[in-house]
């Protein structure tokens, strides 16, 4: 039971990291802050590598499917992208 709770907590943390990331972009664009991914907008940004974007999509899909992700890697990827998008 403890493992499941921790796994759920980690999944919730990953989901929240992504929602915060997407909402920060949506806020800057004047869009509603509902946590919805902005894949098309991100793919149109010259500084965002297709490889990083694909990895972010995979992590997002894993979280949506209830699977585990490496939260350190997710945070690192999001921080890297935020630095590019500033």
Foldseek 3Di string as FASTA:
>chain_A
DVVVVVLVVQLVVLLVVQLVLQQVVCVVVVHDSPSDHPLVVLVPDPQRDPVLSVVLVVSVVCSVVSHDDDVVVSVVSSVVVVVSVD
